[in-house]
C-alpha atoms as a PDB file:
ATOM      1  CA  MET A   1      20.080  -2.543  -6.559  1.00  0.00           C
ATOM      2  CA  HIS A   2      16.563  -1.401  -6.837  1.00  0.00           C
ATOM      3  CA  SER A   3      15.669   1.915  -8.559  1.00  0.00           C
ATOM      4  CA  PRO A   4      14.495   4.626  -6.446  1.00  0.00           C
ATOM      5  CA  PRO A   5      10.686   5.215  -5.881  1.00  0.00           C
ATOM      6  CA  LEU A   6       8.799   7.093  -8.517  1.00  0.00           C
ATOM      7  CA  THR A   7       6.981  10.127  -8.046  1.00  0.00           C
ATOM      8  CA  ALA A   8       3.370  10.337  -9.070  1.00  0.00           C
ATOM      9  CA  VAL A   9       4.338  12.536 -12.133  1.00  0.00           C
ATOM     10  CA  ASP A  10       6.743  10.000 -13.142  1.00  0.00           C
ATOM     11  CA  ARG A  11       4.346   6.699 -12.978  1.00  0.00           C
ATOM     12  CA  ARG A  12       2.609   6.994 -16.301  1.00  0.00           C
ATOM     13  CA  THR A  13       5.867   8.019 -18.305  1.00  0.00           C
ATOM     14  CA  PHE A  14       7.676   5.005 -16.664  1.00  0.00           C
ATOM     15  CA  LEU A  15       4.923   2.496 -18.351  1.00  0.00           C
ATOM     16  CA  THR A  16       4.765   4.237 -21.537  1.00  0.00           C
ATOM     17  CA  SER A  17       8.426   4.838 -22.294  1.00  0.00           C
ATOM     18  CA  SER A  18      10.816   2.768 -19.759  1.00  0.00           C
ATOM     19  CA  LEU A  19       8.841  -0.389 -19.953  1.00  0.00           C
ATOM     20  CA  ALA A  20       8.215   0.131 -23.972  1.00  0.00           C
ATOM     21  CA  ALA A  21      11.750   0.951 -24.560  1.00  0.00           C
ATOM     22  CA  ALA A  22      13.126  -2.221 -22.514  1.00  0.00           C
ATOM     23  CA  ALA A  23      10.663  -4.603 -24.424  1.00  0.00           C
ATOM     24  CA  TRP A  24      11.804  -3.099 -27.909  1.00  0.00           C
ATOM     25  CA  SER A  25      15.660  -3.458 -27.047  1.00  0.00           C
ATOM     26  CA  ALA A  26      14.749  -7.099 -25.926  1.00  0.00           C
ATOM     27  CA  MET A  27      12.752  -8.027 -29.285  1.00  0.00           C
ATOM     28  CA  PRO A  28      13.565 -11.338 -30.380  1.00  0.00           C
ATOM     29  CA  SER A  29      14.169 -12.400 -33.965  1.00  0.00           C
ATOM     30  CA  PRO A  30      10.779 -13.582 -35.902  1.00  0.00           C
ATOM     31  CA  ALA A  31      11.773 -17.166 -35.417  1.00  0.00           C
ATOM     32  CA  ALA A  32      12.122 -16.784 -31.818  1.00  0.00           C
ATOM     33  CA  ALA A  33       9.073 -14.773 -31.621  1.00  0.00           C
ATOM     34  CA  HIS A  34       6.876 -17.416 -33.267  1.00  0.00           C
ATOM     35  CA  ARG A  35       8.214 -20.052 -30.753  1.00  0.00           C
ATOM     36  CA  ALA A  36       7.534 -17.739 -27.727  1.00  0.00           C
ATOM     37  CA  ALA A  37       4.004 -17.212 -29.331  1.00  0.00           C
ATOM     38  CA  LYS A  38       3.126 -20.859 -28.749  1.00  0.00           C
ATOM     39  CA  THR A  39       4.560 -20.822 -25.232  1.00  0.00           C
ATOM     40  CA  PRO A  40       2.773 -19.181 -22.460  1.00  0.00           C
ATOM     41  CA  VAL A  41       4.224 -17.008 -19.946  1.00  0.00           C
ATOM     42  CA  ILE A  42       2.155 -17.050 -16.838  1.00  0.00           C
ATOM     43  CA  ASP A  43       2.832 -15.000 -13.572  1.00  0.00           C
ATOM     44  CA  THR A  44       1.155 -17.167 -10.995  1.00  0.00           C
ATOM     45  CA  HIS A  45       1.290 -14.508  -8.049  1.00  0.00           C
ATOM     46  CA  MET A  46      -0.108 -11.334  -9.111  1.00  0.00           C
ATOM     47  CA  HIS A  47      -1.820  -8.958  -6.619  1.00  0.00           C
ATOM     48  CA  ALA A  48      -4.274  -6.384  -8.193  1.00  0.00           C
ATOM     49  CA  TRP A  49      -6.335  -4.032  -6.444  1.00  0.00           C
ATOM     50  CA  SER A  50      -8.877  -1.206  -7.181  1.00  0.00           C
ATOM     51  CA  GLY A  51      -8.727   2.267  -8.314  1.00  0.00           C
ATOM     52  CA  ASP A  52     -12.058   3.066  -7.279  1.00  0.00           C
ATOM     53  CA  PRO A  53     -12.801   2.627  -3.534  1.00  0.00           C
ATOM     54  CA  GLN A  54     -16.233   3.770  -4.225  1.00  0.00           C
ATOM     55  CA  ARG A  55     -17.120   0.817  -5.988  1.00  0.00           C
ATOM     56  CA  TRP A  56     -14.777  -1.713  -4.691  1.00  0.00           C
ATOM     57  CA  PRO A  57     -14.007  -0.610  -0.991  1.00  0.00           C
ATOM     58  CA  PHE A  58     -10.953  -1.497   0.920  1.00  0.00           C
ATOM     59  CA  ASP A  59     -11.301  -3.501   4.168  1.00  0.00           C
ATOM     60  CA  ASN A  60      -7.924  -4.732   5.416  1.00  0.00           C
ATOM     61  CA  PRO A  61      -8.564  -7.048   8.377  1.00  0.00           C
ATOM     62  CA  ASN A  62      -4.473  -6.517   9.205  1.00  0.00           C
ATOM     63  CA  ASN A  63      -5.191  -2.822   9.507  1.00  0.00           C
ATOM     64  CA  ARG A  64      -6.956  -2.660  12.684  1.00  0.00           C
ATOM     65  CA  GLU A  65      -6.932   0.956  13.194  1.00  0.00           C
ATOM     66  CA  ASN A  66      -7.996   2.068   9.750  1.00  0.00           C
ATOM     67  CA  PRO A  67      -9.109  -1.171   7.682  1.00  0.00           C
ATOM     68  CA  HIS A  68     -10.677   0.995   5.104  1.00  0.00           C
ATOM     69  CA  ALA A  69      -7.633   2.990   4.247  1.00  0.00           C
ATOM     70  CA  VAL A  70      -6.712   3.772   0.764  1.00  0.00           C
ATOM     71  CA  PRO A  71      -3.299   1.967   0.107  1.00  0.00           C
ATOM     72  CA  LYS A  72      -0.576   4.294  -0.570  1.00  0.00           C
ATOM     73  CA  GLY A  73       0.889   4.804  -4.074  1.00  0.00           C
ATOM     74  CA  THR A  74      -0.221   3.519  -7.700  1.00  0.00           C
ATOM     75  CA  PRO A  75      -3.466   1.567  -7.717  1.00  0.00           C
ATOM     76  CA  GLY A  76      -2.469  -1.740  -9.007  1.00  0.00           C
ATOM     77  CA  THR A  77      -5.438  -2.080 -11.290  1.00  0.00           C
ATOM     78  CA  ALA A  78      -5.963  -4.799 -14.046  1.00  0.00           C
ATOM     79  CA  GLU A  79      -5.537  -2.094 -16.561  1.00  0.00           C
ATOM     80  CA  LEU A  80      -1.813  -1.258 -15.407  1.00  0.00           C
ATOM     81  CA  LEU A  81      -1.255  -4.963 -15.362  1.00  0.00           C
ATOM     82  CA  LEU A  82      -2.425  -5.494 -18.777  1.00  0.00           C
ATOM     83  CA  GLU A  83      -0.237  -2.604 -20.100  1.00  0.00           C
ATOM     84  CA  GLU A  84       2.916  -4.160 -18.381  1.00  0.00           C
ATOM     85  CA  MET A  85       1.965  -7.851 -19.614  1.00  0.00           C
ATOM     86  CA  ASP A  86       1.765  -6.668 -23.117  1.00  0.00           C
ATOM     87  CA  ALA A  87       5.330  -4.655 -22.899  1.00  0.00           C
ATOM     88  CA  PHE A  88       7.226  -7.819 -21.537  1.00  0.00           C
ATOM     89  CA  GLY A  89       5.058 -10.816 -23.201  1.00  0.00           C
ATOM     90  CA  VAL A  90       3.225 -11.962 -20.100  1.00  0.00           C
ATOM     91  CA  THR A  91       0.298 -13.803 -21.602  1.00  0.00           C
ATOM     92  CA  GLN A  92      -1.978 -14.594 -18.549  1.00  0.00           C
ATOM     93  CA  CYS A  93      -1.980 -14.186 -14.775  1.00  0.00           C
ATOM     94  CA  ILE A  94      -3.275 -15.898 -11.777  1.00  0.00           C
ATOM     95  CA  LEU A  95      -4.756 -12.995  -9.441  1.00  0.00           C
ATOM     96  CA  VAL A  96      -4.514 -13.584  -6.056  1.00  0.00           C
ATOM     97  CA  GLN A  97      -6.688 -11.516  -3.690  1.00  0.00           C
ATOM     98  CA  VAL A  98      -4.872  -8.878  -2.126  1.00  0.00           C
ATOM     99  CA  ILE A  99      -5.496  -8.044   1.504  1.00  0.00           C
ATOM    100  CA  TYR A 100      -6.381  -4.645   1.041  1.00  0.00           C
ATOM    101  CA  HIS A 101      -9.703  -5.753  -0.219  1.00  0.00           C
ATOM    102  CA  GLY A 102      -9.836  -8.607   2.863  1.00  0.00           C
ATOM    103  CA  TRP A 103     -12.547 -11.097   2.203  1.00  0.00           C
ATOM    104  CA  ASP A 104     -14.447  -9.125  -0.444  1.00  0.00           C
ATOM    105  CA  ASN A 105     -13.157 -10.561  -3.634  1.00  0.00           C
ATOM    106  CA  ARG A 106     -15.543  -8.714  -5.973  1.00  0.00           C
ATOM    107  CA  TYR A 107     -12.899  -6.999  -7.625  1.00  0.00           C
ATOM    108  CA  THR A 108     -10.470 -10.027  -8.440  1.00  0.00           C
ATOM    109  CA  ALA A 109     -14.138 -11.513  -9.618  1.00  0.00           C
ATOM    110  CA  HIS A 110     -14.387  -8.322 -11.793  1.00  0.00           C
ATOM    111  CA  CYS A 111     -11.030  -8.612 -13.290  1.00  0.00           C
ATOM    112  CA  VAL A 112     -11.597 -12.247 -14.326  1.00  0.00           C
ATOM    113  CA  LYS A 113     -14.923 -11.538 -15.763  1.00  0.00           C
ATOM    114  CA  GLN A 114     -13.777  -8.711 -17.457  1.00  0.00           C
ATOM    115  CA  TYR A 115     -10.567 -10.269 -19.051  1.00  0.00           C
ATOM    116  CA  PRO A 116     -11.518 -14.225 -19.032  1.00  0.00           C
ATOM    117  CA  ASP A 117      -8.481 -14.958 -21.686  1.00  0.00           C
ATOM    118  CA  LYS A 118      -5.813 -13.106 -19.478  1.00  0.00           C
ATOM    119  CA  PHE A 119      -6.829 -13.570 -15.809  1.00  0.00           C
ATOM    120  CA  LYS A 120      -7.609 -16.664 -13.405  1.00  0.00           C
ATOM    121  CA  GLY A 121      -8.537 -15.597  -9.739  1.00  0.00           C
ATOM    122  CA  HIS A 122      -8.164 -16.799  -6.348  1.00  0.00           C
ATOM    123  CA  GLY A 123      -9.895 -15.189  -3.453  1.00  0.00           C
ATOM    124  CA  LEU A 124      -9.636 -14.790   0.217  1.00  0.00           C
ATOM    125  CA  ILE A 125     -11.696 -16.367   2.984  1.00  0.00           C
ATOM    126  CA  ASP A 126     -11.631 -15.756   6.638  1.00  0.00           C
ATOM    127  CA  PRO A 127      -9.903 -19.120   7.620  1.00  0.00           C
ATOM    128  CA  THR A 128     -11.480 -19.007  11.054  1.00  0.00           C
ATOM    129  CA  ASP A 129     -15.207 -18.686   9.474  1.00  0.00           C
ATOM    130  CA  PRO A 130     -17.043 -21.928  10.205  1.00  0.00           C
ATOM    131  CA  GLN A 131     -18.757 -21.417   6.705  1.00  0.00           C
ATOM    132  CA  VAL A 132     -15.600 -21.564   4.840  1.00  0.00           C
ATOM    133  CA  ALA A 133     -16.549 -24.421   2.772  1.00  0.00           C
ATOM    134  CA  ASP A 134     -20.034 -22.245   1.855  1.00  0.00           C
ATOM    135  CA  LYS A 135     -17.899 -19.132   1.168  1.00  0.00           C
ATOM    136  CA  LEU A 136     -15.608 -21.377  -1.363  1.00  0.00           C
ATOM    137  CA  GLU A 137     -18.677 -22.568  -3.185  1.00  0.00           C
ATOM    138  CA  TYR A 138     -20.269 -18.943  -3.646  1.00  0.00           C
ATOM    139  CA  TRP A 139     -17.021 -17.537  -4.793  1.00  0.00           C
ATOM    140  CA  MET A 140     -16.289 -20.306  -7.426  1.00  0.00           C
ATOM    141  CA  THR A 141     -19.713 -21.207  -8.883  1.00  0.00           C
ATOM    142  CA  GLU A 142     -21.256 -17.691  -8.708  1.00  0.00           C
ATOM    143  CA  GLN A 143     -18.338 -15.414  -9.335  1.00  0.00           C
ATOM    144  CA  GLY A 144     -15.893 -17.874 -11.336  1.00  0.00           C
ATOM    145  CA  LEU A 145     -12.806 -17.665  -9.338  1.00  0.00           C
ATOM    146  CA  SER A 146     -10.557 -20.776  -9.528  1.00  0.00           C
ATOM    147  CA  GLY A 147      -9.639 -21.160  -5.900  1.00  0.00           C
ATOM    148  CA  MET A 148      -8.554 -19.663  -2.684  1.00  0.00           C
ATOM    149  CA  ARG A 149      -5.426 -18.323  -0.827  1.00  0.00           C
ATOM    150  CA  PHE A 150      -5.020 -19.087   2.729  1.00  0.00           C
ATOM    151  CA  SER A 151      -2.442 -17.488   4.881  1.00  0.00           C
ATOM    152  CA  PRO A 152      -1.540 -19.517   8.146  1.00  0.00           C
ATOM    153  CA  ILE A 153       1.691 -17.379   8.444  1.00  0.00           C
ATOM    154  CA  TYR A 154      -0.336 -14.859  10.007  1.00  0.00           C
ATOM    155  CA  TYR A 155      -2.005 -17.162  12.594  1.00  0.00           C
ATOM    156  CA  ILE A 156       1.244 -18.510  14.332  1.00  0.00           C
ATOM    157  CA  ASP A 157      -0.010 -20.202  17.107  1.00  0.00           C
ATOM    158  CA  LYS A 158      -3.643 -19.546  16.312  1.00  0.00           C
ATOM    159  CA  ASP A 159      -3.590 -22.212  13.128  1.00  0.00           C
ATOM    160  CA  ALA A 160      -5.497 -25.004  14.452  1.00  0.00           C
ATOM    161  CA  TRP A 161      -8.047 -24.240  11.719  1.00  0.00           C
ATOM    162  CA  ILE A 162      -5.476 -25.700   9.036  1.00  0.00           C
ATOM    163  CA  ASN A 163      -6.911 -29.059   9.667  1.00  0.00           C
ATOM    164  CA  GLY A 164      -9.705 -28.402  11.837  1.00  0.00           C
ATOM    165  CA  PRO A 165     -13.431 -29.612  11.099  1.00  0.00           C
ATOM    166  CA  ALA A 166     -14.449 -26.688   9.053  1.00  0.00           C
ATOM    167  CA  HIS A 167     -11.547 -27.124   6.558  1.00  0.00           C
ATOM    168  CA  HIS A 168     -12.314 -30.854   6.277  1.00  0.00           C
ATOM    169  CA  LYS A 169     -15.630 -29.437   4.654  1.00  0.00           C
ATOM    170  CA  LEU A 170     -13.696 -27.095   2.872  1.00  0.00           C
ATOM    171  CA  TYR A 171     -11.588 -29.841   1.184  1.00  0.00           C
ATOM    172  CA  GLU A 172     -14.560 -31.878   0.637  1.00  0.00           C
ATOM    173  CA  LYS A 173     -16.059 -29.059  -1.312  1.00  0.00           C
ATOM    174  CA  ALA A 174     -12.726 -28.160  -2.888  1.00  0.00           C
ATOM    175  CA  SER A 175     -12.481 -31.483  -4.239  1.00  0.00           C
ATOM    176  CA  GLU A 176     -15.931 -31.464  -5.744  1.00  0.00           C
ATOM    177  CA  LEU A 177     -15.387 -28.273  -7.373  1.00  0.00           C
ATOM    178  CA  GLN A 178     -11.849 -28.786  -8.613  1.00  0.00           C
ATOM    179  CA  ALA A 179     -10.442 -26.138  -6.658  1.00  0.00           C
ATOM    180  CA  VAL A 180      -6.786 -24.797  -6.509  1.00  0.00           C
ATOM    181  CA  PHE A 181      -5.652 -23.738  -3.092  1.00  0.00           C
ATOM    182  CA  ASN A 182      -2.293 -21.743  -2.590  1.00  0.00           C
ATOM    183  CA  TYR A 183      -0.841 -21.237   0.902  1.00  0.00           C
ATOM    184  CA  PHE A 184       1.358 -18.584   2.472  1.00  0.00           C
ATOM    185  CA  ILE A 185       2.722 -20.625   5.055  1.00  0.00           C
ATOM    186  CA  ALA A 186       5.587 -20.780   7.452  1.00  0.00           C
ATOM    187  CA  THR A 187       7.714 -24.218   7.367  1.00  0.00           C
ATOM    188  CA  PRO A 188       6.860 -25.022  11.099  1.00  0.00           C
ATOM    189  CA  GLN A 189       3.126 -25.232   9.972  1.00  0.00           C
ATOM    190  CA  LEU A 190       3.653 -27.539   6.878  1.00  0.00           C
ATOM    191  CA  PRO A 191       3.109 -30.736   8.838  1.00  0.00           C
ATOM    192  CA  ARG A 192      -0.360 -29.789   9.698  1.00  0.00           C
ATOM    193  CA  LEU A 193      -1.186 -28.912   6.133  1.00  0.00           C
ATOM    194  CA  GLU A 194       0.429 -32.134   5.248  1.00  0.00           C
ATOM    195  CA  GLU A 195      -2.224 -34.012   6.981  1.00  0.00           C
ATOM    196  CA  MET A 196      -4.847 -32.510   4.805  1.00  0.00           C
ATOM    197  CA  ILE A 197      -2.650 -32.941   1.792  1.00  0.00           C
ATOM    198  CA  ALA A 198      -2.548 -36.622   2.122  1.00  0.00           C
ATOM    199  CA  LYS A 199      -6.330 -37.038   3.079  1.00  0.00           C
ATOM    200  CA  TYR A 200      -7.683 -35.319   0.157  1.00  0.00           C
ATOM    201  CA  PRO A 201      -5.157 -36.204  -3.039  1.00  0.00           C
ATOM    202  CA  ASP A 202      -7.646 -34.338  -5.237  1.00  0.00           C
ATOM    203  CA  VAL A 203      -7.234 -31.213  -3.910  1.00  0.00           C
ATOM    204  CA  ARG A 204      -4.384 -29.301  -5.604  1.00  0.00           C
ATOM    205  CA  ILE A 205      -2.229 -27.473  -3.389  1.00  0.00           C
ATOM    206  CA  VAL A 206       0.590 -24.711  -4.416  1.00  0.00           C
ATOM    207  CA  ILE A 207       2.819 -23.527  -1.637  1.00  0.00           C
ATOM    208  CA  ASP A 208       3.911 -19.839  -1.759  1.00  0.00           C
ATOM    209  CA  HIS A 209       7.469 -18.304  -1.453  1.00  0.00           C
ATOM    210  CA  LEU A 210       9.423 -21.268  -0.332  1.00  0.00           C
ATOM    211  CA  ALA A 211       7.217 -21.377   2.833  1.00  0.00           C
ATOM    212  CA  ARG A 212       9.408 -18.448   4.127  1.00  0.00           C
ATOM    213  CA  VAL A 213      11.850 -20.582   5.186  1.00  0.00           C
ATOM    214  CA  ASP A 214      14.642 -18.404   7.374  1.00  0.00           C
ATOM    215  CA  LEU A 215      17.652 -18.763   5.208  1.00  0.00           C
ATOM    216  CA  LYS A 216      19.682 -16.571   7.872  1.00  0.00           C
ATOM    217  CA  ALA A 217      19.342 -19.435  10.433  1.00  0.00           C
ATOM    218  CA  PRO A 218      22.311 -21.579  11.103  1.00  0.00           C
ATOM    219  CA  ASP A 219      21.019 -24.323   9.569  1.00  0.00           C
ATOM    220  CA  PRO A 220      17.844 -23.772   7.563  1.00  0.00           C
ATOM    221  CA  LEU A 221      17.488 -27.426   6.244  1.00  0.00           C
ATOM    222  CA  PRO A 222      15.637 -29.239   8.752  1.00  0.00           C
ATOM    223  CA  GLU A 223      12.910 -26.511   8.341  1.00  0.00           C
ATOM    224  CA  PHE A 224      13.270 -26.432   4.698  1.00  0.00           C
ATOM    225  CA  ASN A 225      13.081 -30.177   4.668  1.00  0.00           C
ATOM    226  CA  LYS A 226       9.346 -29.914   5.630  1.00  0.00           C
ATOM    227  CA  LEU A 227       8.693 -28.072   2.594  1.00  0.00           C
ATOM    228  CA  LEU A 228      10.599 -30.751   0.672  1.00  0.00           C
ATOM    229  CA  ALA A 229       8.577 -33.591   2.215  1.00  0.00           C
ATOM    230  CA  LEU A 230       5.454 -32.509   0.429  1.00  0.00           C
ATOM    231  CA  ALA A 231       7.082 -33.232  -2.841  1.00  0.00           C
ATOM    232  CA  LYS A 232       6.059 -36.849  -2.770  1.00  0.00           C
ATOM    233  CA  TYR A 233       2.506 -35.611  -3.064  1.00  0.00           C
ATOM    234  CA  PRO A 234       1.529 -35.293  -6.536  1.00  0.00           C
ATOM    235  CA  ASN A 235      -1.187 -32.848  -5.851  1.00  0.00           C
ATOM    236  CA  VAL A 236       1.531 -30.345  -4.489  1.00  0.00           C
ATOM    237  CA  TRP A 237       3.287 -27.388  -6.345  1.00  0.00           C
ATOM    238  CA  ALA A 238       5.513 -25.035  -5.351  1.00  0.00           C
ATOM    239  CA  LYS A 239       6.112 -21.355  -6.249  1.00  0.00           C
ATOM    240  CA  VAL A 240       9.766 -20.231  -6.889  1.00  0.00           C
ATOM    241  CA  THR A 241       8.982 -16.680  -5.821  1.00  0.00           C
ATOM    242  CA  GLU A 242       9.862 -13.920  -3.334  1.00  0.00           C
ATOM    243  CA  LEU A 243      13.473 -14.610  -3.663  1.00  0.00           C
ATOM    244  CA  SER A 244      13.897 -10.940  -2.937  1.00  0.00           C
ATOM    245  CA  VAL A 245      12.417 -11.495   0.486  1.00  0.00           C
ATOM    246  CA  VAL A 246      14.012 -14.763   1.730  1.00  0.00           C
ATOM    247  CA  SER A 247      17.569 -13.837   0.236  1.00  0.00           C
ATOM    248  CA  PRO A 248      19.922 -13.052   3.207  1.00  0.00           C
ATOM    249  CA  SER A 249      21.774 -10.721   1.054  1.00  0.00           C
ATOM    250  CA  LEU A 250      18.866  -9.190  -0.333  1.00  0.00           C
ATOM    251  CA  GLU A 251      21.117  -8.704  -3.470  1.00  0.00           C
ATOM    252  CA  TYR A 252      19.652  -9.221  -6.735  1.00  0.00           C
ATOM    253  CA  PRO A 253      20.086 -11.961  -8.489  1.00  0.00           C
ATOM    254  CA  TYR A 254      19.860 -13.489  -4.778  1.00  0.00           C
ATOM    255  CA  ARG A 255      22.222 -16.249  -5.614  1.00  0.00           C
ATOM    256  CA  ASP A 256      22.410 -17.334  -2.019  1.00  0.00           C
ATOM    257  CA  THR A 257      18.864 -18.641  -2.602  1.00  0.00           C
ATOM    258  CA  PHE A 258      19.885 -20.938  -5.464  1.00  0.00           C
ATOM    259  CA  PRO A 259      21.002 -23.930  -3.602  1.00  0.00           C
ATOM    260  CA  TRP A 260      17.849 -23.975  -1.931  1.00  0.00           C
ATOM    261  CA  VAL A 261      15.946 -23.630  -5.378  1.00  0.00           C
ATOM    262  CA  ARG A 262      18.156 -26.410  -6.418  1.00  0.00           C
ATOM    263  CA  ARG A 263      16.556 -28.660  -3.854  1.00  0.00           C
ATOM    264  CA  MET A 264      13.176 -27.709  -4.686  1.00  0.00           C
ATOM    265  CA  TYR A 265      14.134 -28.651  -8.245  1.00  0.00           C
ATOM    266  CA  ASP A 266      15.502 -31.930  -7.642  1.00  0.00           C
ATOM    267  CA  SER A 267      12.725 -32.843  -5.129  1.00  0.00           C
ATOM    268  CA  PHE A 268       9.459 -31.465  -7.065  1.00  0.00           C
ATOM    269  CA  GLY A 269      11.039 -31.748 -10.241  1.00  0.00           C
ATOM    270  CA  PRO A 270      10.580 -29.095 -13.157  1.00  0.00           C
ATOM    271  CA  ASP A 271       6.912 -30.045 -13.787  1.00  0.00           C
ATOM    272  CA  ARG A 272       5.705 -28.876 -10.178  1.00  0.00           C
ATOM    273  CA  LEU A 273       7.452 -25.650  -9.902  1.00  0.00           C
ATOM    274  CA  LEU A 274       5.852 -22.114 -10.797  1.00  0.00           C
ATOM    275  CA  TRP A 275       6.962 -18.438 -11.247  1.00  0.00           C
ATOM    276  CA  GLY A 276       5.240 -15.286 -10.081  1.00  0.00           C
ATOM    277  CA  THR A 277       6.267 -11.868  -8.971  1.00  0.00           C
ATOM    278  CA  GLY A 278       3.451 -10.216  -6.839  1.00  0.00           C
ATOM    279  CA  PHE A 279       2.781  -6.485  -8.136  1.00  0.00           C
ATOM    280  CA  PRO A 280       1.909  -5.135 -11.379  1.00  0.00           C
ATOM    281  CA  GLY A 281       3.929  -2.330 -13.266  1.00  0.00           C
ATOM    282  CA  VAL A 282       5.314   0.660 -11.199  1.00  0.00           C
ATOM    283  CA  THR A 283       3.768  -0.736  -7.990  1.00  0.00           C
ATOM    284  CA  ARG A 284       6.870  -3.208  -7.808  1.00  0.00           C
ATOM    285  CA  VAL A 285       9.280  -0.026  -7.586  1.00  0.00           C
ATOM    286  CA  GLU A 286       7.274   1.179  -4.834  1.00  0.00           C
ATOM    287  CA  ASN A 287       7.012  -1.943  -2.816  1.00  0.00           C
ATOM    288  CA  GLY A 288      11.171  -2.516  -3.406  1.00  0.00           C
ATOM    289  CA  ARG A 289      10.460  -5.324  -5.570  1.00  0.00           C
ATOM    290  CA  PRO A 290      12.634  -6.302  -8.779  1.00  0.00           C
ATOM    291  CA  ASP A 291      11.232  -4.918 -11.955  1.00  0.00           C
ATOM    292  CA  LEU A 292       9.581  -7.499 -14.285  1.00  0.00           C
ATOM    293  CA  GLN A 293      12.528  -7.932 -16.649  1.00  0.00           C
ATOM    294  CA  GLN A 294      14.615  -9.093 -13.468  1.00  0.00           C
ATOM    295  CA  GLU A 295      12.065 -11.433 -12.567  1.00  0.00           C
ATOM    296  CA  LEU A 296      11.814 -12.968 -15.908  1.00  0.00           C
ATOM    297  CA  ASP A 297      15.730 -12.818 -16.146  1.00  0.00           C
ATOM    298  CA  LEU A 298      15.925 -14.837 -13.060  1.00  0.00           C
ATOM    299  CA  VAL A 299      14.295 -17.951 -14.841  1.00  0.00           C
ATOM    300  CA  ARG A 300      15.678 -17.150 -18.295  1.00  0.00           C
ATOM    301  CA  LYS A 301      19.271 -16.303 -17.499  1.00  0.00           C
ATOM    302  CA  GLU A 302      20.553 -16.549 -13.710  1.00  0.00           C
ATOM    303  CA  ILE A 303      19.434 -19.948 -12.415  1.00  0.00           C
ATOM    304  CA  GLU A 304      21.643 -21.719 -14.625  1.00  0.00           C
ATOM    305  CA  PHE A 305      20.656 -25.259 -13.802  1.00  0.00           C
ATOM    306  CA  PHE A 306      17.314 -24.901 -15.523  1.00  0.00           C
ATOM    307  CA  THR A 307      17.315 -26.348 -18.928  1.00  0.00           C
ATOM    308  CA  ASP A 308      15.305 -24.374 -21.691  1.00  0.00           C
ATOM    309  CA  GLU A 309      12.990 -27.081 -21.311  1.00  0.00           C
ATOM    310  CA  ASP A 310      12.503 -26.097 -17.695  1.00  0.00           C
ATOM    311  CA  ARG A 311      12.309 -22.612 -18.135  1.00  0.00           C
ATOM    312  CA  ALA A 312       9.383 -23.069 -20.289  1.00  0.00           C
ATOM    313  CA  LYS A 313       7.648 -25.125 -17.968  1.00  0.00           C
ATOM    314  CA  LEU A 314       8.168 -22.783 -15.053  1.00  0.00           C
ATOM    315  CA  LEU A 315       7.349 -19.549 -16.797  1.00  0.00           C
ATOM    316  CA  GLY A 316       3.756 -20.732 -18.172  1.00  0.00           C
ATOM    317  CA  ILE A 317       3.469 -24.330 -19.418  1.00  0.00           C
ATOM    318  CA  ASN A 318       3.077 -26.051 -15.471  1.00  0.00           C
ATOM    319  CA  ALA A 319       0.787 -22.937 -14.970  1.00  0.00           C
ATOM    320  CA  ALA A 320      -1.413 -23.409 -17.912  1.00  0.00           C
ATOM    321  CA  LYS A 321      -2.043 -27.179 -17.105  1.00  0.00           C
ATOM    322  CA  LEU A 322      -2.846 -26.220 -13.525  1.00  0.00           C
ATOM    323  CA  TRP A 323      -5.230 -23.856 -13.833  1.00  0.00           C
ATOM    324  CA  GLY A 324      -6.660 -24.794 -17.464  1.00  0.00           C
ATOM    325  CA  PHE A 325      -5.237 -22.159 -19.612  1.00  0.00           C
ATOM    326  CA  PRO A 326      -4.800 -23.258 -23.384  1.00  0.00           C
ATOM    327  CA  VAL A 327      -1.394 -24.430 -24.627  1.00  0.00           C
ATOM    328  CA  SER A 328      -0.701 -23.960 -28.422  1.00  0.00           C
ATOM    329  CA  THR A 329       1.013 -27.078 -29.863  1.00  0.00           C
END
């Protein structure tokens, strides 16, 4: 069960007491802490957004009535995120531009520049923009981002851009820049993406959230097989993320998703699976998501077929290699 939403008065207390207390109670032995210090814990799917709309305005293309509206609840700032990371031993994050800021990636770029040892950044580009390749070059070479996120799932029946002419130029530029792309994509759209993956093997691709397969369908396997088919390409990784969304029961620890995670594990192997959560600090509670301890426990305790070596890879080693964070030996 999720905790009830916190009031504005409770939010800071939540961070400074509840999170700290949880971290203290779970404190490992000195030997375990030494081992953990050498193993990164990297959240590969973290959304952060500004608490200063004057400096970093909101421009949500999905909110046509009021795109500049300030998101409700606690601002998911980098500083809030860093507090939680410190409390739970998360060493780094991949900041994935949130839709609240639209195609303006300046806040994500600011966070990466401000905390380069902690963050790498993925921006958003309007995927229908014919100059998408030029936009990629700008955000990577001049603003320090590591790649981009594209969301075909919001363009059902209007997704010809996935393998259209502008995106072939985009992939050529991505190969040159060594970009990483992550895709929020529905399973029926994966064959169109597969064309690009096969043609551009130097472009590293990450598939988000089990490709949002409908696990409530009478037989999800035919659609899920479209995701598993991508495992044959060594330039594709998959995130074991948002089990709380795809789970038919919606009950933590979402055991009804584990057989599907097992299929991913058997197909992609432990070296190309990634862990991530989505929101920082108390904004998880406000968005109805599991708290960070629960997200960590999914990999560390609940999914029993993972070995200890697998867990270290999913929680950080794979991401460190993919995005170029240092790994101690």
